[in-house]
């Protein structure tokens, strides 16, 4: 590829061809249930565009078909890429042709729709990792002071006394 782009560009000069573009077409966040923190199912649509020019439309069509097929194989067989998403919803392809002088310009667009979950936990600078609770016992009851602290795993630490 002679040029690579990250945003859709309406005009491309012949000297920039062949060109590859990868960009986000749309992104929607839909609520993921009624929860205490903001959680969403994110639907993302990624566009991959190949643009090439040739004097023979059949060669151009075959070349771009090969690019799309190789891209599908590379993306859908790459576990590290697929782990980014919960599932792939849809893959579609569009082609557009135009003629400039004696040459054909073809753009082959692949749309990849994927979904994944996002959550936005609240910022809590004092997340209650240490709590001191005092209770008032009736007169004559023995008072036992116990401090319970949580480890990062959320389980009581080994130094905490076990109280029945």
N, C-alpha and C. Protein backbone atom coordinates (compact mmCIF):
# COMPACT_ATOMS: atom_id res chain seq x y z
N UNK A 1 0.84 -1.18 0.00
CA UNK A 1 0.00 0.00 0.00
C UNK A 1 0.88 1.24 0.00
N UNK A 2 0.50 2.21 -0.81
CA UNK A 2 1.24 3.47 -0.86
C UNK A 2 0.80 4.43 0.24
N UNK A 3 -0.46 4.31 0.66
CA UNK A 3 -0.93 5.20 1.72
C UNK A 3 -1.87 4.46 2.66
N UNK A 4 -1.84 4.91 3.89
CA UNK A 4 -2.70 4.34 4.93
C UNK A 4 -3.41 5.51 5.58
N UNK A 5 -4.69 5.35 5.90
CA UNK A 5 -5.45 6.43 6.51
C UNK A 5 -6.26 5.91 7.69
N UNK A 6 -6.48 6.79 8.66
CA UNK A 6 -7.23 6.42 9.85
C UNK A 6 -8.62 7.04 9.87
N UNK A 7 -8.93 7.90 8.92
CA UNK A 7 -10.24 8.54 8.86
C UNK A 7 -10.74 8.49 7.42
N UNK A 8 -12.06 8.40 7.25
CA UNK A 8 -12.60 8.38 5.88
C UNK A 8 -12.25 9.66 5.13
N UNK A 9 -11.72 9.52 3.96
CA UNK A 9 -11.35 10.67 3.13
C UNK A 9 -12.16 10.55 1.84
N UNK A 10 -12.81 11.62 1.45
CA UNK A 10 -13.66 11.54 0.27
C UNK A 10 -12.87 11.53 -1.03
N UNK A 11 -11.71 12.18 -1.07
CA UNK A 11 -10.93 12.19 -2.31
C UNK A 11 -9.54 11.62 -2.05
N UNK A 12 -9.09 10.82 -3.00
CA UNK A 12 -7.76 10.24 -2.96
C UNK A 12 -7.12 10.48 -4.31
N UNK A 13 -5.89 10.90 -4.31
CA UNK A 13 -5.17 11.18 -5.56
C UNK A 13 -4.62 9.88 -6.13
N UNK A 14 -4.52 9.75 -7.45
CA UNK A 14 -4.02 8.51 -8.08
C UNK A 14 -2.64 8.09 -7.56
N UNK A 15 -1.78 9.05 -7.24
CA UNK A 15 -0.44 8.69 -6.75
C UNK A 15 -0.47 8.11 -5.34
N UNK A 16 -1.61 8.21 -4.64
CA UNK A 16 -1.75 7.65 -3.30
C UNK A 16 -2.27 6.20 -3.33
N UNK A 17 -2.55 5.68 -4.53
CA UNK A 17 -3.15 4.35 -4.64
C UNK A 17 -2.07 3.29 -4.88
N UNK A 18 -2.22 2.10 -4.40
CA UNK A 18 -3.34 1.60 -3.61
C UNK A 18 -3.30 2.15 -2.18
N UNK A 19 -4.48 2.25 -1.56
CA UNK A 19 -4.60 2.83 -0.23
C UNK A 19 -5.43 1.92 0.67
N UNK A 20 -5.10 1.95 1.93
CA UNK A 20 -5.81 1.17 2.95
C UNK A 20 -6.29 2.13 4.02
N UNK A 21 -7.55 2.00 4.43
CA UNK A 21 -8.10 2.82 5.51
C UNK A 21 -8.79 1.95 6.54
N UNK A 22 -8.53 2.22 7.80
CA UNK A 22 -9.19 1.51 8.90
C UNK A 22 -9.70 2.57 9.86
N UNK A 23 -11.02 2.56 10.12
CA UNK A 23 -11.58 3.59 10.96
C UNK A 23 -12.86 3.11 11.65
N UNK A 24 -13.24 3.82 12.72
CA UNK A 24 -14.47 3.53 13.45
C UNK A 24 -15.61 4.25 12.74
N UNK A 25 -16.61 3.49 12.33
CA UNK A 25 -17.78 4.07 11.65
C UNK A 25 -18.83 4.52 12.64
N UNK A 26 -19.09 3.71 13.67
CA UNK A 26 -20.07 4.09 14.68
C UNK A 26 -19.82 3.30 15.96
N UNK A 27 -20.32 3.85 17.05
CA UNK A 27 -20.21 3.19 18.35
C UNK A 27 -21.45 3.55 19.16
N UNK A 28 -22.13 2.52 19.67
CA UNK A 28 -23.34 2.74 20.48
C UNK A 28 -23.19 1.99 21.80
N UNK A 29 -23.55 2.66 22.89
CA UNK A 29 -23.57 2.04 24.21
C UNK A 29 -25.01 1.88 24.64
N UNK A 30 -25.43 0.63 24.88
CA UNK A 30 -26.77 0.34 25.36
C UNK A 30 -26.68 -0.15 26.79
N UNK A 31 -27.61 0.26 27.68
CA UNK A 31 -27.53 -0.15 29.08
C UNK A 31 -27.52 -1.67 29.23
N UNK A 32 -26.71 -2.13 30.17
CA UNK A 32 -26.60 -3.56 30.45
C UNK A 32 -27.26 -3.85 31.79
N UNK A 33 -28.57 -3.76 31.83
CA UNK A 33 -29.32 -4.06 33.05
C UNK A 33 -29.37 -2.88 34.01
N UNK A 34 -30.07 -3.08 35.08
CA UNK A 34 -30.24 -2.07 36.11
C UNK A 34 -29.24 -2.37 37.22
N UNK A 35 -28.09 -1.71 37.19
CA UNK A 35 -27.04 -1.99 38.15
C UNK A 35 -26.64 -0.72 38.88
N UNK A 36 -25.86 -0.89 39.93
CA UNK A 36 -25.46 0.26 40.72
C UNK A 36 -24.35 1.07 40.05
N UNK A 37 -23.56 0.46 39.17
CA UNK A 37 -22.55 1.21 38.43
C UNK A 37 -22.93 1.22 36.96
N UNK A 38 -22.42 2.19 36.25
CA UNK A 38 -22.76 2.32 34.82
C UNK A 38 -22.13 1.16 34.04
N UNK A 39 -22.98 0.32 33.44
CA UNK A 39 -22.52 -0.80 32.62
C UNK A 39 -23.25 -0.76 31.30
N UNK A 40 -22.52 -1.05 30.22
CA UNK A 40 -23.10 -0.98 28.89
C UNK A 40 -22.65 -2.15 28.04
N UNK A 41 -23.47 -2.48 27.04
CA UNK A 41 -23.06 -3.35 25.96
C UNK A 41 -22.72 -2.39 24.82
N UNK A 42 -21.46 -2.38 24.40
CA UNK A 42 -20.99 -1.47 23.38
C UNK A 42 -21.02 -2.18 22.03
N UNK A 43 -21.68 -1.57 21.06
CA UNK A 43 -21.74 -2.07 19.69
C UNK A 43 -20.83 -1.17 18.85
N UNK A 44 -19.78 -1.75 18.29
CA UNK A 44 -18.79 -1.00 17.55
C UNK A 44 -18.78 -1.46 16.09
N UNK A 45 -18.75 -0.50 15.18
CA UNK A 45 -18.66 -0.83 13.76
C UNK A 45 -17.35 -0.27 13.21
N UNK A 46 -16.51 -1.19 12.74
CA UNK A 46 -15.19 -0.83 12.20
C UNK A 46 -15.25 -0.93 10.69
N UNK A 47 -14.71 0.05 10.00
CA UNK A 47 -14.65 0.03 8.54
C UNK A 47 -13.23 -0.18 8.07
N UNK A 48 -13.07 -1.08 7.12
CA UNK A 48 -11.77 -1.31 6.49
C UNK A 48 -11.98 -1.07 5.00
N UNK A 49 -11.21 -0.17 4.43
CA UNK A 49 -11.41 0.24 3.04
C UNK A 49 -10.12 0.05 2.26
N UNK A 50 -10.25 -0.60 1.10
CA UNK A 50 -9.14 -0.76 0.17
C UNK A 50 -9.50 -0.02 -1.11
N UNK A 51 -8.62 0.81 -1.60
CA UNK A 51 -8.85 1.54 -2.84
C UNK A 51 -7.66 1.26 -3.77
N UNK A 52 -7.97 0.89 -5.00
CA UNK A 52 -6.91 0.61 -5.98
C UNK A 52 -7.35 1.11 -7.35
N UNK A 53 -6.38 1.24 -8.25
CA UNK A 53 -6.67 1.72 -9.60
C UNK A 53 -5.96 0.80 -10.60
N UNK A 54 -6.67 0.49 -11.69
CA UNK A 54 -6.09 -0.35 -12.74
C UNK A 54 -6.81 -0.07 -14.05
N UNK A 55 -6.17 -0.41 -15.14
CA UNK A 55 -6.81 -0.24 -16.44
C UNK A 55 -7.73 -1.42 -16.76
N UNK A 56 -7.59 -2.51 -16.01
CA UNK A 56 -8.43 -3.70 -16.21
C UNK A 56 -9.31 -3.92 -14.98
N UNK A 57 -10.62 -3.78 -15.15
CA UNK A 57 -11.53 -3.90 -14.01
C UNK A 57 -11.54 -5.31 -13.43
N UNK A 58 -11.31 -6.34 -14.25
CA UNK A 58 -11.30 -7.71 -13.74
C UNK A 58 -10.11 -7.97 -12.82
N UNK A 59 -8.95 -7.46 -13.19
CA UNK A 59 -7.77 -7.60 -12.31
C UNK A 59 -8.00 -6.85 -11.01
N UNK A 60 -8.57 -5.68 -11.13
CA UNK A 60 -8.86 -4.86 -9.96
C UNK A 60 -9.83 -5.57 -9.02
N UNK A 61 -10.90 -6.12 -9.58
CA UNK A 61 -11.90 -6.82 -8.78
C UNK A 61 -11.29 -8.03 -8.07
N UNK A 62 -10.49 -8.82 -8.79
CA UNK A 62 -9.86 -10.00 -8.21
C UNK A 62 -8.86 -9.66 -7.13
N UNK A 63 -8.09 -8.60 -7.36
CA UNK A 63 -7.09 -8.17 -6.37
C UNK A 63 -7.76 -7.75 -5.07
N UNK A 64 -8.82 -6.95 -5.17
CA UNK A 64 -9.49 -6.48 -3.97
C UNK A 64 -10.25 -7.62 -3.28
N UNK A 65 -10.81 -8.55 -4.04
CA UNK A 65 -11.42 -9.73 -3.43
C UNK A 65 -10.40 -10.51 -2.61
N UNK A 66 -9.20 -10.62 -3.15
CA UNK A 66 -8.14 -11.34 -2.44
C UNK A 66 -7.76 -10.60 -1.15
N UNK A 67 -7.68 -9.27 -1.20
CA UNK A 67 -7.40 -8.49 0.01
C UNK A 67 -8.45 -8.73 1.08
N UNK A 68 -9.72 -8.71 0.70
CA UNK A 68 -10.81 -8.92 1.67
C UNK A 68 -10.73 -10.33 2.26
N UNK A 69 -10.53 -11.32 1.41
CA UNK A 69 -10.45 -12.71 1.90
C UNK A 69 -9.28 -12.89 2.86
N UNK A 70 -8.13 -12.35 2.52
CA UNK A 70 -6.96 -12.47 3.40
C UNK A 70 -7.17 -11.71 4.71
N UNK A 71 -7.84 -10.58 4.65
CA UNK A 71 -8.10 -9.80 5.86
C UNK A 71 -9.06 -10.54 6.79
N UNK A 72 -10.10 -11.13 6.23
CA UNK A 72 -11.04 -11.91 7.05
C UNK A 72 -10.32 -13.06 7.75
N UNK A 73 -9.50 -13.79 6.99
CA UNK A 73 -8.76 -14.91 7.57
C UNK A 73 -7.83 -14.41 8.68
N UNK A 74 -7.10 -13.32 8.42
CA UNK A 74 -6.15 -12.80 9.40
C UNK A 74 -6.87 -12.33 10.67
N UNK A 75 -7.98 -11.60 10.53
CA UNK A 75 -8.68 -11.07 11.70
C UNK A 75 -9.43 -12.15 12.47
N UNK A 76 -10.15 -13.00 11.76
CA UNK A 76 -11.02 -13.96 12.43
C UNK A 76 -10.28 -15.19 12.94
N UNK A 77 -9.03 -15.38 12.55
CA UNK A 77 -8.27 -16.50 13.09
C UNK A 77 -7.24 -16.03 14.12
N UNK A 78 -7.22 -14.75 14.42
CA UNK A 78 -6.29 -14.19 15.40
C UNK A 78 -6.98 -14.11 16.77
N UNK A 79 -6.58 -14.99 17.67
CA UNK A 79 -7.21 -15.06 18.99
C UNK A 79 -7.02 -13.77 19.79
N UNK A 80 -5.87 -13.10 19.63
CA UNK A 80 -5.66 -11.86 20.39
C UNK A 80 -6.59 -10.76 19.91
N UNK A 81 -6.92 -10.73 18.63
CA UNK A 81 -7.88 -9.75 18.11
C UNK A 81 -9.28 -10.08 18.59
N UNK A 82 -9.67 -11.34 18.51
CA UNK A 82 -11.03 -11.74 18.89
C UNK A 82 -11.28 -11.61 20.39
N UNK A 83 -10.22 -11.70 21.20
CA UNK A 83 -10.39 -11.55 22.65
C UNK A 83 -10.77 -10.13 23.05
N UNK A 84 -10.60 -9.18 22.14
CA UNK A 84 -10.98 -7.79 22.42
C UNK A 84 -12.49 -7.63 22.49
N UNK A 85 -13.24 -8.57 21.91
CA UNK A 85 -14.69 -8.44 21.79
C UNK A 85 -15.39 -9.65 22.40
N UNK A 86 -16.65 -9.43 22.77
CA UNK A 86 -17.44 -10.54 23.27
C UNK A 86 -17.92 -11.41 22.12
N UNK A 87 -18.36 -10.78 21.04
CA UNK A 87 -18.74 -11.53 19.85
C UNK A 87 -18.74 -10.63 18.62
N UNK A 88 -18.60 -11.27 17.46
CA UNK A 88 -18.68 -10.57 16.17
C UNK A 88 -20.13 -10.70 15.70
N UNK A 89 -20.79 -9.57 15.51
CA UNK A 89 -22.21 -9.57 15.13
C UNK A 89 -22.42 -9.79 13.63
N UNK A 90 -21.62 -9.10 12.84
CA UNK A 90 -21.89 -9.11 11.39
C UNK A 90 -20.65 -8.64 10.63
N UNK A 91 -20.47 -9.19 9.45
CA UNK A 91 -19.45 -8.71 8.52
C UNK A 91 -20.14 -8.50 7.18
N UNK A 92 -19.98 -7.31 6.64
CA UNK A 92 -20.58 -7.03 5.33
C UNK A 92 -19.53 -6.38 4.44
N UNK A 93 -19.81 -6.40 3.15
CA UNK A 93 -18.86 -5.87 2.18
C UNK A 93 -19.60 -5.07 1.12
N UNK A 94 -19.01 -3.95 0.72
CA UNK A 94 -19.57 -3.10 -0.32
C UNK A 94 -18.45 -2.75 -1.29
N UNK A 95 -18.81 -2.63 -2.55
CA UNK A 95 -17.84 -2.24 -3.57
C UNK A 95 -18.38 -1.05 -4.35
N UNK A 96 -17.50 -0.15 -4.73
CA UNK A 96 -17.91 0.96 -5.59
C UNK A 96 -16.83 1.16 -6.65
N UNK A 97 -17.28 1.42 -7.88
CA UNK A 97 -16.38 1.60 -9.02
C UNK A 97 -16.57 2.99 -9.60
N UNK A 98 -15.50 3.51 -10.11
CA UNK A 98 -15.59 4.74 -10.91
C UNK A 98 -14.51 4.65 -11.98
N UNK A 99 -14.68 5.43 -13.01
CA UNK A 99 -13.72 5.40 -14.12
C UNK A 99 -13.10 6.78 -14.24
N UNK A 100 -11.78 6.79 -14.31
CA UNK A 100 -11.06 8.04 -14.49
C UNK A 100 -10.16 7.89 -15.70
N UNK A 101 -10.54 8.48 -16.79
CA UNK A 101 -9.79 8.33 -18.03
C UNK A 101 -9.85 6.88 -18.50
N UNK A 102 -8.70 6.27 -18.70
CA UNK A 102 -8.63 4.89 -19.15
C UNK A 102 -8.57 3.90 -17.98
N UNK A 103 -8.54 4.40 -16.75
CA UNK A 103 -8.37 3.54 -15.58
C UNK A 103 -9.64 3.44 -14.76
N UNK A 104 -9.77 2.32 -14.08
CA UNK A 104 -10.88 2.10 -13.15
C UNK A 104 -10.35 2.28 -11.72
N UNK A 105 -11.18 2.89 -10.90
CA UNK A 105 -10.86 3.02 -9.48
C UNK A 105 -11.92 2.23 -8.74
N UNK A 106 -11.48 1.36 -7.87
CA UNK A 106 -12.41 0.52 -7.12
C UNK A 106 -12.13 0.67 -5.63
N UNK A 107 -13.20 0.82 -4.87
CA UNK A 107 -13.08 0.82 -3.42
C UNK A 107 -13.88 -0.36 -2.90
N UNK A 108 -13.25 -1.16 -2.10
CA UNK A 108 -13.89 -2.32 -1.47
C UNK A 108 -13.91 -2.05 0.03
N UNK A 109 -15.12 -1.98 0.60
CA UNK A 109 -15.28 -1.66 2.01
C UNK A 109 -15.81 -2.87 2.76
N UNK A 110 -15.16 -3.20 3.86
CA UNK A 110 -15.65 -4.26 4.73
C UNK A 110 -16.05 -3.62 6.05
N UNK A 111 -17.26 -3.94 6.50
CA UNK A 111 -17.76 -3.45 7.78
C UNK A 111 -17.79 -4.61 8.75
N UNK A 112 -17.17 -4.41 9.89
CA UNK A 112 -17.08 -5.43 10.92
C UNK A 112 -17.81 -4.90 12.15
N UNK A 113 -18.93 -5.54 12.51
CA UNK A 113 -19.70 -5.12 13.69
C UNK A 113 -19.41 -6.08 14.82
N UNK A 114 -18.93 -5.51 15.95
CA UNK A 114 -18.56 -6.32 17.11
C UNK A 114 -19.24 -5.74 18.35
N UNK A 115 -19.31 -6.55 19.41
CA UNK A 115 -19.88 -6.11 20.67
C UNK A 115 -18.99 -6.53 21.83
N UNK A 116 -18.99 -5.71 22.84
CA UNK A 116 -18.26 -6.01 24.08
C UNK A 116 -18.91 -5.24 25.21
N UNK A 117 -18.58 -5.60 26.43
CA UNK A 117 -19.17 -4.95 27.60
C UNK A 117 -18.18 -3.94 28.20
N UNK A 118 -18.72 -2.82 28.64
CA UNK A 118 -17.91 -1.80 29.31
C UNK A 118 -18.60 -1.42 30.61
N UNK A 119 -17.80 -1.08 31.60
CA UNK A 119 -18.37 -0.58 32.85
C UNK A 119 -17.53 0.58 33.34
N UNK A 120 -18.15 1.42 34.10
CA UNK A 120 -17.52 2.63 34.60
C UNK A 120 -17.71 2.68 36.11
N UNK A 121 -16.82 2.03 36.87
CA UNK A 121 -16.97 2.05 38.33
C UNK A 121 -16.75 3.46 38.85
N UNK A 122 -17.44 3.80 39.92
CA UNK A 122 -17.30 5.17 40.45
C UNK A 122 -15.91 5.39 41.03
N UNK A 123 -15.47 6.62 40.95
CA UNK A 123 -14.20 6.99 41.57
C UNK A 123 -14.44 7.08 43.07
N UNK A 124 -13.73 6.27 43.83
CA UNK A 124 -13.92 6.24 45.28
C UNK A 124 -12.56 6.32 45.96
N UNK A 125 -12.10 7.52 46.31
CA UNK A 125 -10.78 7.64 46.94
C UNK A 125 -10.74 7.00 48.33
N UNK A 126 -11.88 6.94 49.03
CA UNK A 126 -11.95 6.31 50.35
C UNK A 126 -12.93 5.16 50.23
N UNK A 127 -12.42 4.01 49.78
CA UNK A 127 -13.29 2.90 49.44
C UNK A 127 -13.61 1.98 50.61
N UNK A 128 -13.57 2.50 51.81
CA UNK A 128 -13.97 1.77 53.01
C UNK A 128 -13.21 0.47 53.20
N UNK A 129 -11.89 0.52 53.05
CA UNK A 129 -11.11 -0.69 53.30
C UNK A 129 -10.92 -0.92 54.79
N UNK A 130 -11.13 0.11 55.62
CA UNK A 130 -11.04 -0.05 57.07
C UNK A 130 -12.26 0.64 57.68
N UNK A 131 -13.04 -0.12 58.43
CA UNK A 131 -14.25 0.39 59.05
C UNK A 131 -14.17 0.12 60.55
N UNK A 132 -14.48 1.11 61.35
CA UNK A 132 -14.50 0.95 62.80
C UNK A 132 -15.96 1.06 63.24
N UNK A 133 -16.51 -0.02 63.78
CA UNK A 133 -17.91 -0.06 64.20
C UNK A 133 -17.95 -0.17 65.72
N UNK A 134 -18.69 0.71 66.36
CA UNK A 134 -18.86 0.66 67.81
C UNK A 134 -20.33 0.41 68.10
N UNK A 135 -20.58 -0.54 68.97
CA UNK A 135 -21.95 -0.84 69.36
C UNK A 135 -22.09 -0.63 70.85
N UNK A 136 -23.29 -0.39 71.28
CA UNK A 136 -23.54 -0.20 72.70
C UNK A 136 -24.20 -1.47 73.23
N UNK A 137 -23.54 -2.09 74.18
CA UNK A 137 -24.04 -3.33 74.77
C UNK A 137 -24.77 -3.01 76.08
N UNK A 138 -25.74 -3.85 76.44
CA UNK A 138 -26.41 -3.65 77.73
C UNK A 138 -25.41 -3.77 78.88
N UNK A 139 -25.71 -3.13 79.98
CA UNK A 139 -24.83 -3.14 81.15
C UNK A 139 -24.55 -4.58 81.58
N UNK A 140 -23.29 -4.85 81.93
CA UNK A 140 -22.89 -6.17 82.40
C UNK A 140 -22.42 -7.10 81.29
N UNK A 141 -22.51 -6.70 80.00
CA UNK A 141 -22.07 -7.54 78.90
C UNK A 141 -20.59 -7.27 78.62
N UNK A 142 -19.80 -8.32 78.43
CA UNK A 142 -18.37 -8.16 78.13
C UNK A 142 -18.23 -7.56 76.74
N UNK A 143 -17.36 -6.59 76.60
CA UNK A 143 -17.14 -5.92 75.32
C UNK A 143 -15.83 -6.43 74.72
N UNK A 144 -15.90 -6.92 73.50
CA UNK A 144 -14.73 -7.43 72.78
C UNK A 144 -14.46 -6.49 71.62
N UNK A 145 -13.26 -5.95 71.58
CA UNK A 145 -12.90 -5.07 70.47
C UNK A 145 -12.18 -5.89 69.42
N UNK A 146 -12.71 -5.89 68.21
CA UNK A 146 -12.13 -6.63 67.10
C UNK A 146 -12.02 -5.70 65.91
N UNK A 147 -10.86 -5.69 65.29
CA UNK A 147 -10.66 -4.89 64.08
C UNK A 147 -10.55 -5.86 62.91
N UNK A 148 -11.42 -5.72 61.94
CA UNK A 148 -11.41 -6.57 60.75
C UNK A 148 -10.98 -5.72 59.58
N UNK A 149 -9.93 -6.13 58.93
CA UNK A 149 -9.48 -5.41 57.74
C UNK A 149 -9.51 -6.38 56.57
N UNK A 150 -9.71 -5.83 55.39
CA UNK A 150 -9.78 -6.67 54.19
C UNK A 150 -8.46 -6.60 53.45
N UNK A 151 -8.06 -7.74 52.93
CA UNK A 151 -6.91 -7.78 52.05
C UNK A 151 -7.38 -7.39 50.66
N UNK A 152 -6.49 -7.15 49.71
CA UNK A 152 -6.92 -6.79 48.35
C UNK A 152 -7.86 -7.82 47.72
N UNK A 153 -7.82 -9.07 48.21
CA UNK A 153 -8.71 -10.08 47.64
C UNK A 153 -10.11 -9.99 48.21
N UNK A 154 -10.27 -9.18 49.28
CA UNK A 154 -11.59 -9.06 49.89
C UNK A 154 -11.80 -10.06 51.01
N UNK A 155 -10.82 -10.92 51.29
CA UNK A 155 -10.94 -11.90 52.37
C UNK A 155 -10.30 -11.35 53.63
N UNK A 156 -10.77 -11.75 54.80
CA UNK A 156 -10.14 -11.28 56.04
C UNK A 156 -8.66 -11.69 56.06
N UNK A 157 -7.84 -10.82 56.65
CA UNK A 157 -6.42 -11.14 56.71
C UNK A 157 -6.16 -12.21 57.77
N UNK A 158 -4.96 -12.81 57.74
CA UNK A 158 -4.63 -13.91 58.65
C UNK A 158 -4.52 -13.45 60.09
N UNK A 159 -4.27 -12.16 60.30
CA UNK A 159 -4.09 -11.66 61.65
C UNK A 159 -5.41 -11.36 62.36
N UNK A 160 -6.51 -11.44 61.66
CA UNK A 160 -7.81 -11.15 62.26
C UNK A 160 -8.23 -12.30 63.16
N UNK A 161 -8.70 -12.00 64.38
CA UNK A 161 -9.18 -13.08 65.25
C UNK A 161 -10.48 -13.65 64.72
N UNK A 162 -10.69 -14.92 64.94
CA UNK A 162 -11.95 -15.56 64.54
C UNK A 162 -12.87 -15.50 65.72
N UNK A 163 -14.04 -14.89 65.53
CA UNK A 163 -15.01 -14.72 66.61
C UNK A 163 -16.23 -15.56 66.27
N UNK A 164 -16.63 -16.41 67.19
CA UNK A 164 -17.84 -17.23 66.98
C UNK A 164 -19.07 -16.49 67.44
